[in-house]
Amino acid sequence: MDISFTNRSRGGSRRWVFHHRDTSDGMSRSRKPGWLKTRPPSGREFADIRETLRDHDLHTVCEEANCPNLGECWSGGEGGSEGGTATFMLMGDRCSRGCNFCDVETGGMEALDPDEPENVAEAVAEIGLDYVVLTSVDRDDLPDQGAGHFAETIREIKARHPGILVEVLIPDFRGEEELVEKIVEADPDVIAHNVETVSRLQTPVRDRRAGYEQSLSVLEYVDRVSEIYTKTSIMLGHGEYDHEVYRTLADCREAGVDVVTLGQYLRPSESHLPVRRYDHPGKYETWRRVAEEELGFLYCASGPMVRSSYRAGELFVEAVLREGESVERARERAHAVGN
């Protein structure tokens, strides 16, 4: 496989020219390749996290979206040798949007639980996390789309656990900057928002209320008004072309995104979008090199089983923010865990 890109300027504008020689790293959508393997949930850490979540009536995106890495993350890595991690999903288990790739239920919205911020903070302490990831469903039904509730959860965790690192994966809040500002003011350590796929495929993949430019504007706003690390994620396998993936990465970097993840889309059920292509792990490694070495992302986690919340990416941020490691050393440690 050989991927290269040339930046050519004509009249002050940029045009990316794509050269590609691909030698069998794509597979038919009709059969799942052998490298897409996960281990079933098990171990004490897994059981403890599940029990704690049930005790506090909390949801995780790990369960609601049927994440394939649930067993590894909750069980604490290979053999349960590391502490388990979980991504808390705020504001209920039903989303106001209906993206065609996502397994979270749509509609039937319920009132927010006013005790949820406190319950999440208590669960964080019980599980023993020092790095917590928060995400949420979309709540277009609420006047502030849930931004205030999200921000209150961040503040509650930070107040109770001053040394903890908080990463948030936020909705687009329909691009309304004053709502994004509520998240910024709560001062998380990382703000993530996913563009999900390339520009051309936004409409079949995502809900019509989402959009490529809207998502980029959220990321650009956070970068413009704060020093908070920004992050995004791209799914592969929807029928995108390589030059479109490159253009998406370049657009995200231009918007100031620091960390990016790329992973294989897996169809949750027959009612969701079909997988158009499975790419070999070697191609994901190529995208990692392009993202880090050519485009200048601080870190890229790229692999078939990588998801937006991914333990190697969290390790990178933790190493840079908490331990003061250089970006290069933090990359090395994170890639060692990711592989």
C-alpha atoms as a PDB file:
ATOM      1  CA  MET A   1       0.000   0.000   0.000  1.00  0.00           C
ATOM      2  CA  ASP A   2       1.311   3.456  -0.894  1.00  0.00           C
ATOM      3  CA  ILE A   3      -0.541   6.654  -0.105  1.00  0.00           C
ATOM      4  CA  SER A   4       0.878  10.082  -0.824  1.00  0.00           C
ATOM      5  CA  PHE A   5      -0.592  13.549  -1.100  1.00  0.00           C
ATOM      6  CA  THR A   6       0.722  16.666  -2.757  1.00  0.00           C
ATOM      7  CA  ASN A   7      -0.293  20.185  -1.728  1.00  0.00           C
ATOM      8  CA  ARG A   8      -0.418  22.262  -4.886  1.00  0.00           C
ATOM      9  CA  SER A   9      -1.252  25.948  -4.840  1.00  0.00           C
ATOM     10  CA  ARG A  10      -2.815  27.786  -7.745  1.00  0.00           C
ATOM     11  CA  GLY A  11      -3.841  31.385  -7.411  1.00  0.00           C
ATOM     12  CA  GLY A  12      -3.598  31.244  -3.639  1.00  0.00           C
ATOM     13  CA  SER A  13      -5.933  28.261  -3.202  1.00  0.00           C
ATOM     14  CA  ARG A  14      -4.965  24.754  -2.179  1.00  0.00           C
ATOM     15  CA  ARG A  15      -5.701  21.631  -4.180  1.00  0.00           C
ATOM     16  CA  TRP A  16      -4.878  18.207  -2.748  1.00  0.00           C
ATOM     17  CA  VAL A  17      -3.806  15.703  -5.383  1.00  0.00           C
ATOM     18  CA  PHE A  18      -4.195  12.073  -4.366  1.00  0.00           C
ATOM     19  CA  HIS A  19      -1.967   9.191  -5.494  1.00  0.00           C
ATOM     20  CA  HIS A  20      -2.820   5.705  -4.298  1.00  0.00           C
ATOM     21  CA  ARG A  21      -1.613   2.197  -4.930  1.00  0.00           C
ATOM     22  CA  ASP A  22      -3.636  -0.324  -2.944  1.00  0.00           C
ATOM     23  CA  THR A  23      -2.659  -4.002  -2.859  1.00  0.00           C
ATOM     24  CA  SER A  24      -5.566  -5.885  -1.282  1.00  0.00           C
ATOM     25  CA  ASP A  25      -6.174  -4.128   2.022  1.00  0.00           C
ATOM     26  CA  GLY A  26      -9.928  -3.822   1.387  1.00  0.00           C
ATOM     27  CA  MET A  27     -12.439  -6.646   1.744  1.00  0.00           C
ATOM     28  CA  SER A  28     -15.967  -7.293   0.601  1.00  0.00           C
ATOM     29  CA  ARG A  29     -18.716  -6.158   2.943  1.00  0.00           C
ATOM     30  CA  SER A  30     -20.222  -9.665   2.804  1.00  0.00           C
ATOM     31  CA  ARG A  31     -17.828 -11.221   5.324  1.00  0.00           C
ATOM     32  CA  LYS A  32     -16.132  -9.894   8.414  1.00  0.00           C
ATOM     33  CA  PRO A  33     -12.327 -10.274   8.422  1.00  0.00           C
ATOM     34  CA  GLY A  34     -10.474 -12.184  11.106  1.00  0.00           C
ATOM     35  CA  TRP A  35      -8.780  -9.135  12.613  1.00  0.00           C
ATOM     36  CA  LEU A  36     -12.135  -7.875  13.947  1.00  0.00           C
ATOM     37  CA  LYS A  37     -12.058  -9.855  17.157  1.00  0.00           C
ATOM     38  CA  THR A  38     -13.128  -8.903  20.659  1.00  0.00           C
ATOM     39  CA  ARG A  39     -13.100 -10.791  23.902  1.00  0.00           C
ATOM     40  CA  PRO A  40     -16.305 -11.259  25.928  1.00  0.00           C
ATOM     41  CA  PRO A  41     -16.810  -9.206  29.099  1.00  0.00           C
ATOM     42  CA  SER A  42     -15.391 -10.841  32.220  1.00  0.00           C
ATOM     43  CA  GLY A  43     -13.422 -10.250  35.399  1.00  0.00           C
ATOM     44  CA  ARG A  44     -13.845  -8.456  38.707  1.00  0.00           C
ATOM     45  CA  GLU A  45     -13.404  -4.958  37.273  1.00  0.00           C
ATOM     46  CA  PHE A  46     -16.183  -5.567  34.756  1.00  0.00           C
ATOM     47  CA  ALA A  47     -18.562  -6.813  37.433  1.00  0.00           C
ATOM     48  CA  ASP A  48     -17.701  -3.959  39.801  1.00  0.00           C
ATOM     49  CA  ILE A  49     -18.304  -1.255  37.187  1.00  0.00           C
ATOM     50  CA  ARG A  50     -21.603  -2.792  36.110  1.00  0.00           C
ATOM     51  CA  GLU A  51     -22.804  -3.024  39.716  1.00  0.00           C
ATOM     52  CA  THR A  52     -21.815   0.564  40.480  1.00  0.00           C
ATOM     53  CA  LEU A  53     -23.628   1.860  37.410  1.00  0.00           C
ATOM     54  CA  ARG A  54     -26.775  -0.040  38.331  1.00  0.00           C
ATOM     55  CA  ASP A  55     -26.645   1.211  41.926  1.00  0.00           C
ATOM     56  CA  HIS A  56     -26.626   4.817  40.727  1.00  0.00           C
ATOM     57  CA  ASP A  57     -29.066   4.300  37.825  1.00  0.00           C
ATOM     58  CA  LEU A  58     -26.472   5.451  35.292  1.00  0.00           C
ATOM     59  CA  HIS A  59     -25.932   4.680  31.614  1.00  0.00           C
ATOM     60  CA  THR A  60     -22.784   4.163  29.589  1.00  0.00           C
ATOM     61  CA  VAL A  61     -22.311   4.556  25.872  1.00  0.00           C
ATOM     62  CA  CYS A  62     -20.344   1.306  26.135  1.00  0.00           C
ATOM     63  CA  GLU A  63     -23.595  -0.604  26.682  1.00  0.00           C
ATOM     64  CA  GLU A  64     -26.133   1.569  24.888  1.00  0.00           C
ATOM     65  CA  ALA A  65     -24.140   1.696  21.640  1.00  0.00           C
ATOM     66  CA  ASN A  66     -22.939  -1.928  21.896  1.00  0.00           C
ATOM     67  CA  CYS A  67     -19.273  -0.920  21.808  1.00  0.00           C
ATOM     68  CA  PRO A  68     -17.103  -3.876  20.738  1.00  0.00           C
ATOM     69  CA  ASN A  69     -14.411  -2.884  23.259  1.00  0.00           C
ATOM     70  CA  LEU A  70     -16.672  -3.103  26.303  1.00  0.00           C
ATOM     71  CA  GLY A  71     -15.085  -6.313  27.551  1.00  0.00           C
ATOM     72  CA  GLU A  72     -11.526  -4.995  27.260  1.00  0.00           C
ATOM     73  CA  CYS A  73     -12.164  -1.573  28.784  1.00  0.00           C
ATOM     74  CA  TRP A  74     -14.407  -2.655  31.647  1.00  0.00           C
ATOM     75  CA  SER A  75     -12.258  -5.658  32.470  1.00  0.00           C
ATOM     76  CA  GLY A  76      -9.104  -3.540  32.602  1.00  0.00           C
ATOM     77  CA  GLY A  77      -7.017  -4.556  29.596  1.00  0.00           C
ATOM     78  CA  GLU A  78      -5.475  -7.914  28.887  1.00  0.00           C
ATOM     79  CA  GLY A  79      -5.980 -10.200  31.864  1.00  0.00           C
ATOM     80  CA  GLY A  80      -7.549  -7.411  33.907  1.00  0.00           C
ATOM     81  CA  SER A  81      -4.096  -6.039  34.737  1.00  0.00           C
ATOM     82  CA  GLU A  82      -5.188  -2.386  34.621  1.00  0.00           C
ATOM     83  CA  GLY A  83      -8.089  -0.491  36.136  1.00  0.00           C
ATOM     84  CA  GLY A  84     -11.318  -0.647  34.156  1.00  0.00           C
ATOM     85  CA  THR A  85     -12.707   2.408  32.393  1.00  0.00           C
ATOM     86  CA  ALA A  86     -16.175   3.400  31.259  1.00  0.00           C
ATOM     87  CA  THR A  87     -17.714   6.271  29.311  1.00  0.00           C
ATOM     88  CA  PHE A  88     -20.719   7.695  31.142  1.00  0.00           C
ATOM     89  CA  MET A  89     -23.682   8.678  28.964  1.00  0.00           C
ATOM     90  CA  LEU A  90     -25.628  11.600  30.387  1.00  0.00           C
ATOM     91  CA  MET A  91     -29.259  12.713  30.034  1.00  0.00           C
ATOM     92  CA  GLY A  92     -30.849   9.308  29.601  1.00  0.00           C
ATOM     93  CA  ASP A  93     -30.614   6.390  27.212  1.00  0.00           C
ATOM     94  CA  ARG A  94     -32.812   7.780  24.432  1.00  0.00           C
ATOM     95  CA  CYS A  95     -31.642  10.267  21.817  1.00  0.00           C
ATOM     96  CA  SER A  96     -33.621  12.985  20.051  1.00  0.00           C
ATOM     97  CA  ARG A  97     -31.805  12.181  16.803  1.00  0.00           C
ATOM     98  CA  GLY A  98     -31.746   9.094  14.640  1.00  0.00           C
ATOM     99  CA  CYS A  99     -28.328   8.588  13.067  1.00  0.00           C
ATOM    100  CA  ASN A 100     -28.246   5.559  10.787  1.00  0.00           C
ATOM    101  CA  PHE A 101     -25.042   4.123  12.257  1.00  0.00           C
ATOM    102  CA  CYS A 102     -25.920   4.370  15.941  1.00  0.00           C
ATOM    103  CA  ASP A 103     -27.585   1.752  18.157  1.00  0.00           C
ATOM    104  CA  VAL A 104     -28.864   4.169  20.816  1.00  0.00           C
ATOM    105  CA  GLU A 105     -32.682   4.287  20.933  1.00  0.00           C
ATOM    106  CA  THR A 106     -34.427   7.318  19.414  1.00  0.00           C
ATOM    107  CA  GLY A 107     -37.430   9.266  20.718  1.00  0.00           C
ATOM    108  CA  GLY A 108     -39.549   8.963  23.837  1.00  0.00           C
ATOM    109  CA  MET A 109     -37.511  11.609  25.630  1.00  0.00           C
ATOM    110  CA  GLU A 110     -37.756  11.773  29.418  1.00  0.00           C
ATOM    111  CA  ALA A 111     -37.114  14.569  31.902  1.00  0.00           C
ATOM    112  CA  LEU A 112     -33.548  15.066  33.065  1.00  0.00           C
ATOM    113  CA  ASP A 113     -32.562  13.493  36.368  1.00  0.00           C
ATOM    114  CA  PRO A 114     -31.457  16.407  38.584  1.00  0.00           C
ATOM    115  CA  ASP A 115     -29.415  13.998  40.713  1.00  0.00           C
ATOM    116  CA  GLU A 116     -27.406  12.652  37.782  1.00  0.00           C
ATOM    117  CA  PRO A 117     -24.403  15.016  38.120  1.00  0.00           C
ATOM    118  CA  GLU A 118     -23.996  14.020  41.769  1.00  0.00           C
ATOM    119  CA  ASN A 119     -24.580  10.332  41.028  1.00  0.00           C
ATOM    120  CA  VAL A 120     -21.922  10.340  38.314  1.00  0.00           C
ATOM    121  CA  ALA A 121     -19.425  12.002  40.641  1.00  0.00           C
ATOM    122  CA  GLU A 122     -20.129   9.372  43.312  1.00  0.00           C
ATOM    123  CA  ALA A 123     -19.751   6.548  40.797  1.00  0.00           C
ATOM    124  CA  VAL A 124     -16.415   7.962  39.632  1.00  0.00           C
ATOM    125  CA  ALA A 125     -15.162   7.764  43.218  1.00  0.00           C
ATOM    126  CA  GLU A 126     -16.468   4.239  43.757  1.00  0.00           C
ATOM    127  CA  ILE A 127     -14.938   2.883  40.555  1.00  0.00           C
ATOM    128  CA  GLY A 128     -11.672   4.643  41.376  1.00  0.00           C
ATOM    129  CA  LEU A 129     -11.176   6.537  38.129  1.00  0.00           C
ATOM    130  CA  ASP A 130      -8.525   9.201  37.669  1.00  0.00           C
ATOM    131  CA  TYR A 131      -9.562   9.840  34.046  1.00  0.00           C
ATOM    132  CA  VAL A 132     -13.272  10.000  33.287  1.00  0.00           C
ATOM    133  CA  VAL A 133     -15.026  10.272  29.928  1.00  0.00           C
ATOM    134  CA  LEU A 134     -18.496  11.804  29.681  1.00  0.00           C
ATOM    135  CA  THR A 135     -20.750  11.795  26.666  1.00  0.00           C
ATOM    136  CA  SER A 136     -24.473  12.209  26.131  1.00  0.00           C
ATOM    137  CA  VAL A 137     -27.403  11.637  23.880  1.00  0.00           C
ATOM    138  CA  ASP A 138     -28.673  14.588  21.833  1.00  0.00           C
ATOM    139  CA  ARG A 139     -31.439  16.492  23.578  1.00  0.00           C
ATOM    140  CA  ASP A 140     -32.898  18.797  20.938  1.00  0.00           C
ATOM    141  CA  ASP A 141     -36.116  18.745  22.977  1.00  0.00           C
ATOM    142  CA  LEU A 142     -34.594  20.850  25.776  1.00  0.00           C
ATOM    143  CA  PRO A 143     -34.297  24.671  25.658  1.00  0.00           C
ATOM    144  CA  ASP A 144     -30.501  24.533  26.069  1.00  0.00           C
ATOM    145  CA  GLN A 145     -30.186  21.075  24.484  1.00  0.00           C
ATOM    146  CA  GLY A 146     -28.805  19.794  27.787  1.00  0.00           C
ATOM    147  CA  ALA A 147     -25.657  21.944  27.795  1.00  0.00           C
ATOM    148  CA  GLY A 148     -26.260  23.191  31.322  1.00  0.00           C
ATOM    149  CA  HIS A 149     -26.794  19.679  32.693  1.00  0.00           C
ATOM    150  CA  PHE A 150     -23.642  18.472  30.944  1.00  0.00           C
ATOM    151  CA  ALA A 151     -21.627  21.374  32.365  1.00  0.00           C
ATOM    152  CA  GLU A 152     -22.983  20.793  35.868  1.00  0.00           C
ATOM    153  CA  THR A 153     -21.795  17.175  35.749  1.00  0.00           C
ATOM    154  CA  ILE A 154     -18.287  18.333  34.833  1.00  0.00           C
ATOM    155  CA  ARG A 155     -18.262  20.829  37.688  1.00  0.00           C
ATOM    156  CA  GLU A 156     -19.576  18.275  40.183  1.00  0.00           C
ATOM    157  CA  ILE A 157     -16.801  15.812  39.296  1.00  0.00           C
ATOM    158  CA  LYS A 158     -14.094  18.478  39.367  1.00  0.00           C
ATOM    159  CA  ALA A 159     -15.288  19.829  42.726  1.00  0.00           C
ATOM    160  CA  ARG A 160     -15.227  16.405  44.366  1.00  0.00           C
ATOM    161  CA  HIS A 161     -12.098  15.119  42.643  1.00  0.00           C
ATOM    162  CA  PRO A 162      -9.768  18.083  41.917  1.00  0.00           C
ATOM    163  CA  GLY A 163      -7.002  15.905  40.484  1.00  0.00           C
ATOM    164  CA  ILE A 164      -9.168  14.006  38.011  1.00  0.00           C
ATOM    165  CA  LEU A 165      -8.923  14.497  34.240  1.00  0.00           C
ATOM    166  CA  VAL A 166     -12.278  14.905  32.513  1.00  0.00           C
ATOM    167  CA  GLU A 167     -12.794  14.280  28.801  1.00  0.00           C
ATOM    168  CA  VAL A 168     -16.180  15.139  27.310  1.00  0.00           C
ATOM    169  CA  LEU A 169     -17.650  13.993  24.004  1.00  0.00           C
ATOM    170  CA  ILE A 170     -20.333  16.580  23.349  1.00  0.00           C
ATOM    171  CA  PRO A 171     -23.223  16.956  20.894  1.00  0.00           C
ATOM    172  CA  ASP A 172     -23.051  19.753  18.332  1.00  0.00           C
ATOM    173  CA  PHE A 173     -25.737  21.830  20.139  1.00  0.00           C
ATOM    174  CA  ARG A 174     -26.825  22.769  16.598  1.00  0.00           C
ATOM    175  CA  GLY A 175     -23.701  24.898  16.362  1.00  0.00           C
ATOM    176  CA  GLU A 176     -24.940  27.469  18.909  1.00  0.00           C
ATOM    177  CA  GLU A 177     -21.776  28.964  20.363  1.00  0.00           C
ATOM    178  CA  GLU A 178     -23.344  30.125  23.619  1.00  0.00           C
ATOM    179  CA  LEU A 179     -24.218  26.514  24.424  1.00  0.00           C
ATOM    180  CA  VAL A 180     -20.744  25.239  23.544  1.00  0.00           C
ATOM    181  CA  GLU A 181     -19.410  28.022  25.768  1.00  0.00           C
ATOM    182  CA  LYS A 182     -21.212  26.471  28.750  1.00  0.00           C
ATOM    183  CA  ILE A 183     -19.075  23.372  28.291  1.00  0.00           C
ATOM    184  CA  VAL A 184     -15.900  25.420  27.891  1.00  0.00           C
ATOM    185  CA  GLU A 185     -16.646  27.373  31.097  1.00  0.00           C
ATOM    186  CA  ALA A 186     -16.981  24.108  33.055  1.00  0.00           C
ATOM    187  CA  ASP A 187     -13.283  23.562  32.216  1.00  0.00           C
ATOM    188  CA  PRO A 188     -12.922  19.924  31.166  1.00  0.00           C
ATOM    189  CA  ASP A 189      -9.465  18.785  30.102  1.00  0.00           C
ATOM    190  CA  VAL A 190     -10.515  17.536  26.658  1.00  0.00           C
ATOM    191  CA  ILE A 191     -13.522  18.505  24.541  1.00  0.00           C
ATOM    192  CA  ALA A 192     -14.350  16.024  21.800  1.00  0.00           C
ATOM    193  CA  HIS A 193     -16.976  16.229  19.102  1.00  0.00           C
ATOM    194  CA  ASN A 194     -17.148  13.735  16.261  1.00  0.00           C
ATOM    195  CA  VAL A 195     -17.448  14.617  12.586  1.00  0.00           C
ATOM    196  CA  GLU A 196     -18.178  10.864  12.172  1.00  0.00           C
ATOM    197  CA  THR A 197     -17.623  10.621   8.398  1.00  0.00           C
ATOM    198  CA  VAL A 198     -16.566  12.513   5.293  1.00  0.00           C
ATOM    199  CA  SER A 199     -18.552  15.477   3.990  1.00  0.00           C
ATOM    200  CA  ARG A 200     -20.220  13.605   1.121  1.00  0.00           C
ATOM    201  CA  LEU A 201     -21.668  10.897   3.372  1.00  0.00           C
ATOM    202  CA  GLN A 202     -23.003  13.051   6.208  1.00  0.00           C
ATOM    203  CA  THR A 203     -26.657  12.829   5.146  1.00  0.00           C
ATOM    204  CA  PRO A 204     -27.024   9.035   4.874  1.00  0.00           C
ATOM    205  CA  VAL A 205     -24.873   8.417   7.963  1.00  0.00           C
ATOM    206  CA  ARG A 206     -25.973  11.125  10.399  1.00  0.00           C
ATOM    207  CA  ASP A 207     -29.280  12.685  11.380  1.00  0.00           C
ATOM    208  CA  ARG A 208     -30.318  15.561   9.121  1.00  0.00           C
ATOM    209  CA  ARG A 209     -29.859  18.035  11.998  1.00  0.00           C
ATOM    210  CA  ALA A 210     -26.147  17.233  12.117  1.00  0.00           C
ATOM    211  CA  GLY A 211     -23.647  18.344   9.508  1.00  0.00           C
ATOM    212  CA  TYR A 212     -19.999  18.462   8.513  1.00  0.00           C
ATOM    213  CA  GLU A 213     -19.530  22.235   8.633  1.00  0.00           C
ATOM    214  CA  GLN A 214     -21.583  22.487  11.810  1.00  0.00           C
ATOM    215  CA  SER A 215     -19.367  19.952  13.557  1.00  0.00           C
ATOM    216  CA  LEU A 216     -16.198  21.637  12.348  1.00  0.00           C
ATOM    217  CA  SER A 217     -17.510  24.953  13.646  1.00  0.00           C
ATOM    218  CA  VAL A 218     -17.926  23.479  17.149  1.00  0.00           C
ATOM    219  CA  LEU A 219     -14.341  22.212  17.176  1.00  0.00           C
ATOM    220  CA  GLU A 220     -12.988  25.459  15.754  1.00  0.00           C
ATOM    221  CA  TYR A 221     -14.868  27.506  18.375  1.00  0.00           C
ATOM    222  CA  VAL A 222     -13.423  25.500  21.273  1.00  0.00           C
ATOM    223  CA  ASP A 223      -9.931  25.893  19.837  1.00  0.00           C
ATOM    224  CA  ARG A 224     -10.430  29.618  19.308  1.00  0.00           C
ATOM    225  CA  VAL A 225     -11.732  30.536  22.767  1.00  0.00           C
ATOM    226  CA  SER A 226      -9.814  28.140  25.033  1.00  0.00           C
ATOM    227  CA  GLU A 227      -6.621  26.205  25.657  1.00  0.00           C
ATOM    228  CA  ILE A 228      -8.575  22.970  26.087  1.00  0.00           C
ATOM    229  CA  TYR A 229      -7.439  19.978  24.022  1.00  0.00           C
ATOM    230  CA  THR A 230      -9.844  19.088  21.193  1.00  0.00           C
ATOM    231  CA  LYS A 231     -10.549  15.692  19.712  1.00  0.00           C
ATOM    232  CA  THR A 232     -12.672  14.118  16.974  1.00  0.00           C
ATOM    233  CA  SER A 233     -13.379  10.703  15.476  1.00  0.00           C
ATOM    234  CA  ILE A 234     -13.941   9.343  11.987  1.00  0.00           C
ATOM    235  CA  MET A 235     -15.613   6.032  11.075  1.00  0.00           C
ATOM    236  CA  LEU A 236     -14.344   4.165   8.024  1.00  0.00           C
ATOM    237  CA  GLY A 237     -16.352   1.649   6.049  1.00  0.00           C
ATOM    238  CA  HIS A 238     -19.295   3.729   4.803  1.00  0.00           C
ATOM    239  CA  GLY A 239     -18.017   3.923   1.237  1.00  0.00           C
ATOM    240  CA  GLU A 240     -15.676   6.896   1.594  1.00  0.00           C
ATOM    241  CA  TYR A 241     -12.737   7.358  -0.763  1.00  0.00           C
ATOM    242  CA  ASP A 242      -9.205   7.783   0.535  1.00  0.00           C
ATOM    243  CA  HIS A 243      -8.887  11.331  -0.748  1.00  0.00           C
ATOM    244  CA  GLU A 244     -12.059  12.185   1.190  1.00  0.00           C
ATOM    245  CA  VAL A 245     -10.593  10.775   4.396  1.00  0.00           C
ATOM    246  CA  TYR A 246      -7.483  12.868   3.847  1.00  0.00           C
ATOM    247  CA  ARG A 247      -9.572  15.979   3.192  1.00  0.00           C
ATOM    248  CA  THR A 248     -11.528  15.328   6.402  1.00  0.00           C
ATOM    249  CA  LEU A 249      -8.361  14.938   8.442  1.00  0.00           C
ATOM    250  CA  ALA A 250      -6.940  18.128   6.926  1.00  0.00           C
ATOM    251  CA  ASP A 251     -10.157  20.048   7.653  1.00  0.00           C
ATOM    252  CA  CYS A 252     -10.170  18.864  11.268  1.00  0.00           C
ATOM    253  CA  ARG A 253      -6.549  19.861  11.755  1.00  0.00           C
ATOM    254  CA  GLU A 254      -7.252  23.254  10.199  1.00  0.00           C
ATOM    255  CA  ALA A 255     -10.075  23.643  12.758  1.00  0.00           C
ATOM    256  CA  GLY A 256      -7.478  23.180  15.503  1.00  0.00           C
ATOM    257  CA  VAL A 257      -8.207  19.574  16.462  1.00  0.00           C
ATOM    258  CA  ASP A 258      -5.357  18.062  18.511  1.00  0.00           C
ATOM    259  CA  VAL A 259      -6.315  14.378  18.717  1.00  0.00           C
ATOM    260  CA  VAL A 260      -8.111  12.203  16.172  1.00  0.00           C
ATOM    261  CA  THR A 261      -9.270   8.588  16.165  1.00  0.00           C
ATOM    262  CA  LEU A 262     -10.154   6.411  13.178  1.00  0.00           C
ATOM    263  CA  GLY A 263     -11.983   3.096  13.426  1.00  0.00           C
ATOM    264  CA  GLN A 264     -13.993   0.573  11.448  1.00  0.00           C
ATOM    265  CA  TYR A 265     -17.761   1.021  11.295  1.00  0.00           C
ATOM    266  CA  LEU A 266     -19.549  -2.142  12.428  1.00  0.00           C
ATOM    267  CA  ARG A 267     -23.230  -2.557  11.644  1.00  0.00           C
ATOM    268  CA  PRO A 268     -25.231  -2.838  14.901  1.00  0.00           C
ATOM    269  CA  SER A 269     -28.224  -4.531  13.241  1.00  0.00           C
ATOM    270  CA  GLU A 270     -29.897  -5.222   9.894  1.00  0.00           C
ATOM    271  CA  SER A 271     -31.839  -1.953  10.217  1.00  0.00           C
ATOM    272  CA  HIS A 272     -28.641   0.120  10.220  1.00  0.00           C
ATOM    273  CA  LEU A 273     -26.431   1.145   7.323  1.00  0.00           C
ATOM    274  CA  PRO A 274     -24.485  -1.756   5.794  1.00  0.00           C
ATOM    275  CA  VAL A 275     -20.698  -1.914   5.930  1.00  0.00           C
ATOM    276  CA  ARG A 276     -19.308  -1.018   2.511  1.00  0.00           C
ATOM    277  CA  ARG A 277     -15.698  -1.941   3.172  1.00  0.00           C
ATOM    278  CA  TYR A 278     -13.326  -3.441   5.725  1.00  0.00           C
ATOM    279  CA  ASP A 279      -9.825  -2.023   5.659  1.00  0.00           C
ATOM    280  CA  HIS A 280      -6.749  -3.953   6.765  1.00  0.00           C
ATOM    281  CA  PRO A 281      -4.973  -2.826   9.987  1.00  0.00           C
ATOM    282  CA  GLY A 282      -2.001  -1.832   7.844  1.00  0.00           C
ATOM    283  CA  LYS A 283      -4.047   0.858   6.190  1.00  0.00           C
ATOM    284  CA  TYR A 284      -5.073   2.264   9.553  1.00  0.00           C
ATOM    285  CA  GLU A 285      -1.403   2.485  10.434  1.00  0.00           C
ATOM    286  CA  THR A 286      -0.843   4.483   7.255  1.00  0.00           C
ATOM    287  CA  TRP A 287      -3.584   6.906   8.265  1.00  0.00           C
ATOM    288  CA  ARG A 288      -1.958   7.252  11.680  1.00  0.00           C
ATOM    289  CA  ARG A 289       1.318   8.260  10.078  1.00  0.00           C
ATOM    290  CA  VAL A 290      -0.428  10.705   7.749  1.00  0.00           C
ATOM    291  CA  ALA A 291      -2.302  12.301  10.668  1.00  0.00           C
ATOM    292  CA  GLU A 292       0.691  12.648  12.964  1.00  0.00           C
ATOM    293  CA  GLU A 293       3.672  13.041  10.665  1.00  0.00           C
ATOM    294  CA  GLU A 294       2.182  15.011   7.779  1.00  0.00           C
ATOM    295  CA  LEU A 295      -0.828  16.880   9.137  1.00  0.00           C
ATOM    296  CA  GLY A 296       0.507  17.557  12.621  1.00  0.00           C
ATOM    297  CA  PHE A 297      -2.074  16.060  14.976  1.00  0.00           C
ATOM    298  CA  LEU A 298      -0.596  15.639  18.447  1.00  0.00           C
ATOM    299  CA  TYR A 299      -1.876  12.070  18.545  1.00  0.00           C
ATOM    300  CA  CYS A 300      -3.860   9.682  16.327  1.00  0.00           C
ATOM    301  CA  ALA A 301      -5.341   6.377  17.441  1.00  0.00           C
ATOM    302  CA  SER A 302      -6.132   4.424  14.296  1.00  0.00           C
ATOM    303  CA  GLY A 303      -7.228   0.802  13.997  1.00  0.00           C
ATOM    304  CA  PRO A 304     -10.238  -1.361  13.143  1.00  0.00           C
ATOM    305  CA  MET A 305     -11.427  -1.558  16.762  1.00  0.00           C
ATOM    306  CA  VAL A 306     -10.593   2.019  17.767  1.00  0.00           C
ATOM    307  CA  ARG A 307     -13.534   4.102  18.949  1.00  0.00           C
ATOM    308  CA  SER A 308     -13.853   7.785  19.902  1.00  0.00           C
ATOM    309  CA  SER A 309     -13.360   6.856  23.563  1.00  0.00           C
ATOM    310  CA  TYR A 310     -10.251   4.713  23.448  1.00  0.00           C
ATOM    311  CA  ARG A 311      -7.876   3.818  26.257  1.00  0.00           C
ATOM    312  CA  ALA A 312      -4.692   4.525  24.297  1.00  0.00           C
ATOM    313  CA  GLY A 313      -5.904   8.031  23.472  1.00  0.00           C
ATOM    314  CA  GLU A 314      -6.768   8.654  27.097  1.00  0.00           C
ATOM    315  CA  LEU A 315      -3.295   7.485  28.107  1.00  0.00           C
ATOM    316  CA  PHE A 316      -1.730   9.979  25.705  1.00  0.00           C
ATOM    317  CA  VAL A 317      -3.678  12.911  27.140  1.00  0.00           C
ATOM    318  CA  GLU A 318      -2.984  11.795  30.695  1.00  0.00           C
ATOM    319  CA  ALA A 319       0.751  11.500  30.020  1.00  0.00           C
ATOM    320  CA  VAL A 320       0.934  15.001  28.542  1.00  0.00           C
ATOM    321  CA  LEU A 321      -1.354  16.778  31.028  1.00  0.00           C
ATOM    322  CA  ARG A 322      -0.695  14.987  34.301  1.00  0.00           C
ATOM    323  CA  GLU A 323       2.822  13.659  33.938  1.00  0.00           C
ATOM    324  CA  GLY A 324       4.283  16.378  31.760  1.00  0.00           C
ATOM    325  CA  GLU A 325       5.769  14.023  29.185  1.00  0.00           C
ATOM    326  CA  SER A 326       6.782  15.261  25.789  1.00  0.00           C
ATOM    327  CA  VAL A 327       4.321  14.663  22.978  1.00  0.00           C
ATOM    328  CA  GLU A 328       6.791  12.253  21.362  1.00  0.00           C
ATOM    329  CA  ARG A 329       7.206  10.138  24.508  1.00  0.00           C
ATOM    330  CA  ALA A 330       3.475  10.186  25.227  1.00  0.00           C
ATOM    331  CA  ARG A 331       2.809   9.006  21.674  1.00  0.00           C
ATOM    332  CA  GLU A 332       5.208   6.108  22.080  1.00  0.00           C
ATOM    333  CA  ARG A 333       3.564   4.962  25.316  1.00  0.00           C
ATOM    334  CA  ALA A 334       0.037   5.307  23.917  1.00  0.00           C
ATOM    335  CA  HIS A 335       0.879   3.439  20.713  1.00  0.00           C
ATOM    336  CA  ALA A 336       2.420   0.628  22.757  1.00  0.00           C
ATOM    337  CA  VAL A 337      -0.869   0.222  24.629  1.00  0.00           C
ATOM    338  CA  GLY A 338      -2.950   0.541  21.466  1.00  0.00           C
ATOM    339  CA  ASN A 339      -1.011  -2.234  19.766  1.00  0.00           C
END
